[in-house]
Amino acid sequence: MPVDQPGRVLVTGAGGPSGISVMQAIESGVLTIYAGDIDPYAAGLYLVPEAQRAILPRGDDPAFADHLFELCEREAVDVVVPTVDSELLPLAIERERFAATGVALVLASERTLAVCLDKWALDARCRGHVRTPACWLVDEAFDASAPELPAIVKPRSGSGSRGIALLRTRAELEALPRDGTLLVQEHLPGPEFSLDVLARGDGEVLAVVPRERLKVDSGIAITGRTVHDPELEAFGADVARLIGLSTVANVQAKVAVDGMPALLEVNPRFPGTMPLTIAAGIDMPSLAVAEALGAPPPPGPLAFEELAMVRTFTERFFPFAEIEALVGQAKHVGSRA
């Protein structure tokens, strides 16, 4: 469903599958889409005309929010859709500043983000309400004899599959740095599912679309399918309510030894495999952007169909001068940092 209200929308993270999928979903005759990224070679930058491309500082750069605010003012942007984890909290903190100039952020609340971006805090929020894996914080009090082996170790903060490892010996557990930056979790042997969740601004959950991740590369599903599963759909809705979700998020779950889905993490942004959910019948980016532009969302629950997907590469061709222009812009942005 294309967005039918006019507006100017800036999508960040144009080098990643999430940013690209959002831009492709909301493309319509009435929207002007701007693409932003830190990398002049980011593929998604070249999905929009030259005048609508922007090089941004890193999300963890103290100047990031100011730079984005100036860009929005200069280009009269109405809506910002951030798709990079490091950008989320800096923008949420500045939400009122953006809103005062008429810029809406398609972004979870600061409180929700604080829970989702800290897996230990997420475990504390959800434990006892939904199935969660046994979990230990690796700090000075960590008892390496407590977890059953094999066990998973992962960063307390982070996204994708970076830093995740399967440990099989007590010696490996004993060797972990006890600085509070790592978690050890129960190993979940069953299939993994990503649950794409859409909530309205008032928190009502409109849709949960479970996707089975059949083949994964660098944390992104390249083969998958949507599945109708009432248990998984209820699980995703419960997690969304527990964290106070008011936009789109991706709830990751894996089946435990008891056959129940258990919570892995929540990515509080559009996922990279959003095209499958859109093709299955629920265009979450367009619905979220339309709500940000003032359109009332449809009543839920929204229906979807079971569908399979494989990913392929596609190409775009243009003069190299277009890349050179953004390389020069990147040097300028870098010099301001």
Protein backbone atom coordinates (compact mmCIF):
# COMPACT_ATOMS: atom_id res chain seq x y z
CA MET A 1 0.00 0.00 0.00
CA PRO A 2 1.79 3.16 -1.18
CA VAL A 3 1.70 6.22 1.07
CA ASP A 4 -0.90 8.62 -0.38
CA GLN A 5 -0.01 11.74 1.65
CA PRO A 6 2.66 14.08 0.30
CA GLY A 7 5.75 14.52 2.41
CA ARG A 8 9.52 14.44 2.59
CA VAL A 9 11.01 11.35 4.23
CA LEU A 10 14.65 10.82 5.18
CA VAL A 11 15.79 7.21 5.58
CA THR A 12 19.16 6.61 7.24
CA GLY A 13 21.35 3.54 6.93
CA ALA A 14 21.01 3.51 3.15
CA GLY A 15 23.90 1.07 2.93
CA GLY A 16 22.03 -1.69 4.75
CA PRO A 17 19.18 -3.98 3.75
CA SER A 18 16.86 -2.35 6.28
CA GLY A 19 17.26 1.15 4.86
CA ILE A 20 16.97 -0.06 1.29
CA SER A 21 13.82 -2.07 2.01
CA VAL A 22 12.16 0.94 3.67
CA MET A 23 12.96 3.21 0.72
CA GLN A 24 11.66 0.69 -1.79
CA ALA A 25 8.48 0.13 0.23
CA ILE A 26 7.50 3.77 0.62
CA GLU A 27 8.41 4.80 -2.93
CA SER A 28 5.40 6.57 -4.41
CA GLY A 29 4.45 9.49 -6.58
CA VAL A 30 3.67 11.75 -3.63
CA LEU A 31 6.70 11.25 -1.36
CA THR A 32 10.13 12.81 -1.77
CA ILE A 33 12.63 10.33 -0.34
CA TYR A 34 16.05 11.32 0.97
CA ALA A 35 18.73 8.70 1.65
CA GLY A 36 21.50 9.11 4.23
CA ASP A 37 24.54 7.03 5.16
CA ILE A 38 28.08 7.40 6.49
CA ASP A 39 29.54 5.67 3.42
CA PRO A 40 29.58 7.30 -0.04
CA TYR A 41 29.55 3.82 -1.55
CA ALA A 42 26.31 2.83 0.22
CA ALA A 43 24.10 1.23 -2.40
CA GLY A 44 20.84 2.78 -1.22
CA LEU A 45 22.11 6.31 -1.76
CA TYR A 46 21.84 5.69 -5.48
CA LEU A 47 18.18 4.73 -5.32
CA VAL A 48 17.27 8.43 -5.09
CA PRO A 49 18.23 11.47 -7.23
CA GLU A 50 21.57 13.17 -6.54
CA ALA A 51 20.00 16.13 -4.74
CA GLN A 52 18.37 13.77 -2.24
CA ARG A 53 21.54 11.98 -1.07
CA ALA A 54 23.29 12.88 2.17
CA ILE A 55 26.45 11.76 3.91
CA LEU A 56 25.92 11.55 7.68
CA PRO A 57 28.24 11.29 10.68
CA ARG A 58 28.30 8.02 12.58
CA GLY A 59 25.41 7.53 14.98
CA ASP A 60 27.84 7.53 17.93
CA ASP A 61 29.38 10.85 16.82
CA PRO A 62 28.33 13.60 19.29
CA ALA A 63 27.51 15.78 16.28
CA PHE A 64 25.15 13.24 14.70
CA ALA A 65 21.81 14.58 15.99
CA ASP A 66 22.77 18.20 15.27
CA HIS A 67 23.87 17.32 11.75
CA LEU A 68 20.64 15.45 11.05
CA PHE A 69 18.56 18.27 12.52
CA GLU A 70 20.26 20.81 10.25
CA LEU A 71 19.68 18.55 7.25
CA CYS A 72 15.99 18.19 8.09
CA GLU A 73 15.61 21.96 8.44
CA ARG A 74 17.45 22.66 5.20
CA GLU A 75 15.46 20.13 3.16
CA ALA A 76 12.12 20.64 4.97
CA VAL A 77 11.99 16.94 5.92
CA ASP A 78 8.73 15.78 7.51
CA VAL A 79 9.66 12.28 8.68
CA VAL A 80 12.92 10.55 9.62
CA VAL A 81 13.19 6.75 9.56
CA PRO A 82 16.47 5.73 11.26
CA THR A 83 17.57 2.15 10.57
CA VAL A 84 20.98 2.01 12.32
CA ASP A 85 21.18 0.89 15.95
CA SER A 86 23.75 3.51 17.00
CA GLU A 87 21.47 6.32 15.75
CA LEU A 88 18.37 5.32 17.69
CA LEU A 89 19.02 6.62 21.22
CA PRO A 90 20.67 9.90 20.12
CA LEU A 91 17.58 10.70 18.04
CA ALA A 92 15.08 9.54 20.67
CA ILE A 93 16.70 11.87 23.19
CA GLU A 94 16.18 14.75 20.75
CA ARG A 95 12.63 13.77 19.74
CA GLU A 96 10.97 16.90 21.15
CA ARG A 97 13.49 19.15 19.43
CA PHE A 98 12.69 17.56 16.06
CA ALA A 99 8.95 17.61 16.76
CA ALA A 100 9.06 21.34 17.55
CA THR A 101 10.05 21.97 13.93
CA GLY A 102 7.48 19.53 12.51
CA VAL A 103 9.76 16.51 12.04
CA ALA A 104 8.33 13.15 13.14
CA LEU A 105 10.65 10.28 14.02
CA VAL A 106 9.57 6.73 13.17
CA LEU A 107 11.32 5.51 16.26
CA ALA A 108 10.54 3.77 19.54
CA SER A 109 10.53 5.77 22.76
CA GLU A 110 13.74 6.42 24.65
CA ARG A 111 12.47 4.15 27.43
CA THR A 112 11.75 1.29 25.02
CA LEU A 113 15.13 1.67 23.33
CA ALA A 114 16.97 1.58 26.66
CA VAL A 115 15.45 -1.84 27.31
CA CYS A 116 15.90 -3.28 23.83
CA LEU A 117 19.49 -2.16 23.31
CA ASP A 118 20.60 -3.77 26.58
CA LYS A 119 19.93 -7.52 26.43
CA TRP A 120 20.35 -7.84 30.22
CA ALA A 121 17.68 -5.17 30.77
CA LEU A 122 15.45 -6.89 28.20
CA ASP A 123 15.79 -10.18 30.05
CA ALA A 124 14.85 -8.49 33.33
CA ARG A 125 11.79 -6.83 31.74
CA CYS A 126 10.44 -9.99 30.09
CA ARG A 127 11.46 -12.79 32.49
CA GLY A 128 8.42 -14.33 34.16
CA HIS A 129 6.07 -12.96 31.50
CA VAL A 130 7.28 -14.78 28.37
CA ARG A 131 9.68 -17.70 27.96
CA THR A 132 13.27 -16.48 28.15
CA PRO A 133 16.48 -18.53 28.07
CA ALA A 134 18.42 -18.98 31.28
CA CYS A 135 20.80 -16.02 31.36
CA TRP A 136 23.86 -14.90 33.36
CA LEU A 137 25.68 -11.58 33.36
CA VAL A 138 29.43 -12.16 33.14
CA ASP A 139 30.63 -9.91 35.93
CA GLU A 140 32.64 -10.48 39.08
CA ALA A 141 29.83 -12.55 40.58
CA PHE A 142 29.53 -14.88 37.56
CA ASP A 143 29.69 -18.59 38.46
CA ALA A 144 31.15 -20.49 35.50
CA SER A 145 29.79 -23.76 36.90
CA ALA A 146 26.15 -22.61 36.69
CA PRO A 147 25.33 -22.73 32.94
CA GLU A 148 24.67 -26.07 31.27
CA LEU A 149 26.96 -26.79 28.34
CA PRO A 150 27.04 -26.01 25.53
CA ALA A 151 26.07 -22.38 26.18
CA ILE A 152 25.90 -19.21 24.13
CA VAL A 153 28.00 -16.14 24.88
CA LYS A 154 27.01 -12.81 23.36
CA PRO A 155 27.63 -9.10 23.87
CA ARG A 156 25.24 -7.39 26.27
CA SER A 157 24.78 -4.74 23.58
CA GLY A 158 25.04 -5.31 19.85
CA SER A 159 23.11 -6.49 16.83
CA GLY A 160 23.25 -9.19 14.21
CA SER A 161 25.44 -12.19 14.96
CA ARG A 162 28.55 -10.20 15.87
CA GLY A 163 30.37 -11.48 18.93
CA ILE A 164 28.13 -14.52 19.45
CA ALA A 165 29.82 -17.87 20.08
CA LEU A 166 28.95 -21.37 21.25
CA LEU A 167 31.03 -22.45 24.24
CA ARG A 168 31.49 -26.14 25.01
CA THR A 169 33.89 -26.22 27.98
CA ARG A 170 34.10 -24.79 31.49
CA ALA A 171 37.54 -23.47 30.63
CA GLU A 172 36.02 -21.27 27.93
CA LEU A 173 33.47 -19.94 30.44
CA GLU A 174 36.18 -19.29 33.02
CA ALA A 175 38.23 -17.34 30.47
CA LEU A 176 35.50 -14.81 29.71
CA PRO A 177 36.28 -11.22 30.78
CA ARG A 178 34.16 -10.37 33.83
CA ASP A 179 33.55 -6.73 33.01
CA GLY A 180 29.77 -6.91 32.59
CA THR A 181 29.81 -6.55 28.80
CA LEU A 182 28.93 -10.19 28.04
CA LEU A 183 25.99 -12.50 28.70
CA VAL A 184 25.93 -16.28 28.83
CA GLN A 185 22.64 -17.82 27.75
CA GLU A 186 21.06 -21.23 27.57
CA HIS A 187 21.67 -22.85 24.20
CA LEU A 188 18.39 -23.09 22.28
CA PRO A 189 18.56 -25.95 19.77
CA GLY A 190 15.34 -25.39 17.82
CA PRO A 191 14.50 -23.35 14.71
CA GLU A 192 14.91 -19.58 14.83
CA PHE A 193 12.11 -17.15 14.03
CA SER A 194 12.03 -13.41 13.47
CA LEU A 195 8.74 -11.80 14.42
CA ASP A 196 8.08 -8.52 12.65
CA VAL A 197 5.80 -6.47 14.90
CA LEU A 198 3.85 -3.34 14.01
CA ALA A 199 2.35 -1.25 16.81
CA ARG A 200 0.44 2.00 16.58
CA GLY A 201 1.64 5.15 18.29
CA ASP A 202 -0.69 4.39 21.21
CA GLY A 203 0.85 0.92 21.65
CA GLU A 204 -1.92 -1.20 20.11
CA VAL A 205 -0.32 -4.13 18.27
CA LEU A 206 -1.65 -4.25 14.71
CA ALA A 207 0.34 -7.18 13.34
CA VAL A 208 2.88 -9.86 14.17
CA VAL A 209 4.39 -11.69 11.20
CA PRO A 210 6.58 -14.70 12.10
CA ARG A 211 9.37 -15.46 9.66
CA GLU A 212 11.42 -18.64 9.80
CA ARG A 213 15.07 -17.91 9.06
CA LEU A 214 16.04 -20.84 6.80
CA LYS A 215 19.48 -19.57 5.76
CA VAL A 216 21.36 -16.70 7.42
CA ASP A 217 24.48 -14.84 6.32
CA SER A 218 26.08 -12.17 8.57
CA GLY A 219 22.93 -11.98 10.66
CA ILE A 220 20.62 -11.40 7.66
CA ALA A 221 18.18 -14.03 6.41
CA ILE A 222 18.76 -14.75 2.72
CA THR A 223 16.20 -17.55 2.57
CA GLY A 224 13.08 -17.52 4.69
CA ARG A 225 9.34 -17.92 4.87
CA THR A 226 6.40 -16.42 6.70
CA VAL A 227 4.38 -18.82 8.84
CA HIS A 228 0.98 -18.69 10.50
CA ASP A 229 1.60 -19.70 14.10
CA PRO A 230 -0.81 -18.39 16.76
CA GLU A 231 1.68 -19.15 19.55
CA LEU A 232 4.46 -17.13 17.90
CA GLU A 233 2.09 -14.29 17.02
CA ALA A 234 0.87 -14.09 20.64
CA PHE A 235 4.50 -14.26 21.84
CA GLY A 236 5.51 -11.31 19.65
CA ALA A 237 2.51 -9.26 20.77
CA ASP A 238 3.26 -9.98 24.44
CA VAL A 239 6.89 -8.86 24.07
CA ALA A 240 5.78 -5.69 22.26
CA ARG A 241 3.46 -4.78 25.13
CA LEU A 242 6.12 -5.55 27.75
CA ILE A 243 8.62 -3.17 26.15
CA GLY A 244 6.04 -0.48 25.35
CA LEU A 245 6.48 -0.65 21.58
CA SER A 246 4.87 2.17 19.59
CA THR A 247 6.27 1.56 16.10
CA VAL A 248 8.02 -1.32 14.27
CA ALA A 249 10.41 -3.82 15.84
CA ASN A 250 11.82 -7.24 15.16
CA VAL A 251 11.49 -9.80 17.95
CA GLN A 252 13.89 -12.71 17.60
CA ALA A 253 12.99 -16.04 19.15
CA LYS A 254 14.28 -19.60 19.07
CA VAL A 255 12.62 -22.82 20.11
CA ALA A 256 13.95 -24.27 23.37
CA VAL A 257 14.27 -27.95 24.39
CA ASP A 258 10.73 -27.85 25.80
CA GLY A 259 9.36 -26.89 22.37
CA MET A 260 8.43 -23.35 23.48
CA PRO A 261 9.68 -20.22 21.74
CA ALA A 262 12.15 -18.29 23.89
CA LEU A 263 13.21 -14.67 23.50
CA LEU A 264 16.65 -13.95 22.02
CA GLU A 265 16.53 -10.19 21.51
CA VAL A 266 14.50 -7.29 20.16
CA ASN A 267 15.76 -5.07 17.36
CA PRO A 268 13.77 -1.82 17.80
CA ARG A 269 13.88 -0.82 14.15
CA PHE A 270 12.94 -2.12 10.71
CA PRO A 271 14.66 -5.45 10.01
CA GLY A 272 16.65 -6.25 6.90
CA THR A 273 14.19 -8.91 5.78
CA MET A 274 11.20 -6.55 5.78
CA PRO A 275 10.58 -7.20 2.02
CA LEU A 276 9.26 -10.67 2.88
CA THR A 277 6.75 -9.27 5.37
CA ILE A 278 5.68 -6.64 2.83
CA ALA A 279 5.25 -9.26 0.10
CA ALA A 280 3.21 -11.38 2.52
CA GLY A 281 0.67 -8.57 2.76
CA ILE A 282 1.65 -6.13 5.52
CA ASP A 283 3.56 -3.06 4.33
CA MET A 284 4.91 -1.97 7.72
CA PRO A 285 7.14 0.85 6.42
CA SER A 286 4.31 2.52 4.52
CA LEU A 287 1.89 2.15 7.42
CA ALA A 288 4.39 3.60 9.89
CA VAL A 289 5.34 6.52 7.63
CA ALA A 290 1.68 7.25 6.85
CA GLU A 291 0.91 7.40 10.59
CA ALA A 292 3.87 9.73 11.11
CA LEU A 293 2.40 11.98 8.41
CA GLY A 294 -0.92 12.07 10.24
CA ALA A 295 -2.96 9.28 8.65
CA PRO A 296 -4.90 7.05 11.07
CA PRO A 297 -3.62 3.46 10.99
CA PRO A 298 -6.05 0.70 9.98
CA PRO A 299 -7.72 -1.42 12.66
CA GLY A 300 -5.89 -4.59 13.59
CA PRO A 301 -5.17 -7.39 13.53
CA LEU A 302 -3.84 -7.24 9.97
CA ALA A 303 -3.73 -10.42 7.90
CA PHE A 304 -0.79 -11.86 5.97
CA GLU A 305 -0.15 -14.92 3.80
CA GLU A 306 2.44 -17.66 4.01
CA LEU A 307 5.18 -16.99 1.50
CA ALA A 308 8.79 -18.03 0.86
CA MET A 309 11.71 -15.82 -0.19
CA VAL A 310 15.26 -16.07 -1.53
CA ARG A 311 17.48 -13.00 -1.91
CA THR A 312 19.49 -12.06 -4.98
CA PHE A 313 21.84 -9.23 -5.91
CA THR A 314 20.67 -6.47 -8.23
CA GLU A 315 22.70 -3.76 -9.96
CA ARG A 316 22.35 -0.06 -10.83
CA PHE A 317 24.52 1.79 -13.34
CA PHE A 318 25.37 5.52 -13.44
CA PRO A 319 28.31 7.90 -14.05
CA PHE A 320 31.16 7.60 -11.55
CA ALA A 321 30.95 11.36 -11.00
CA GLU A 322 27.93 10.71 -8.78
CA ILE A 323 30.06 8.62 -6.42
CA GLU A 324 32.89 11.18 -6.52
CA ALA A 325 30.47 13.89 -5.37
CA LEU A 326 29.54 11.88 -2.27
CA VAL A 327 33.16 11.00 -1.54
CA GLY A 328 33.85 14.73 -1.38
CA GLN A 329 30.84 15.25 0.88
CA ALA A 330 32.07 12.47 3.17
CA LYS A 331 35.45 14.22 3.56
CA HIS A 332 33.67 17.43 4.50
CA VAL A 333 31.46 15.71 7.09
CA GLY A 334 34.50 13.93 8.49
CA SER A 335 36.40 17.19 8.84
CA ARG A 336 33.58 18.58 11.01
CA ALA A 337 33.71 15.64 13.44
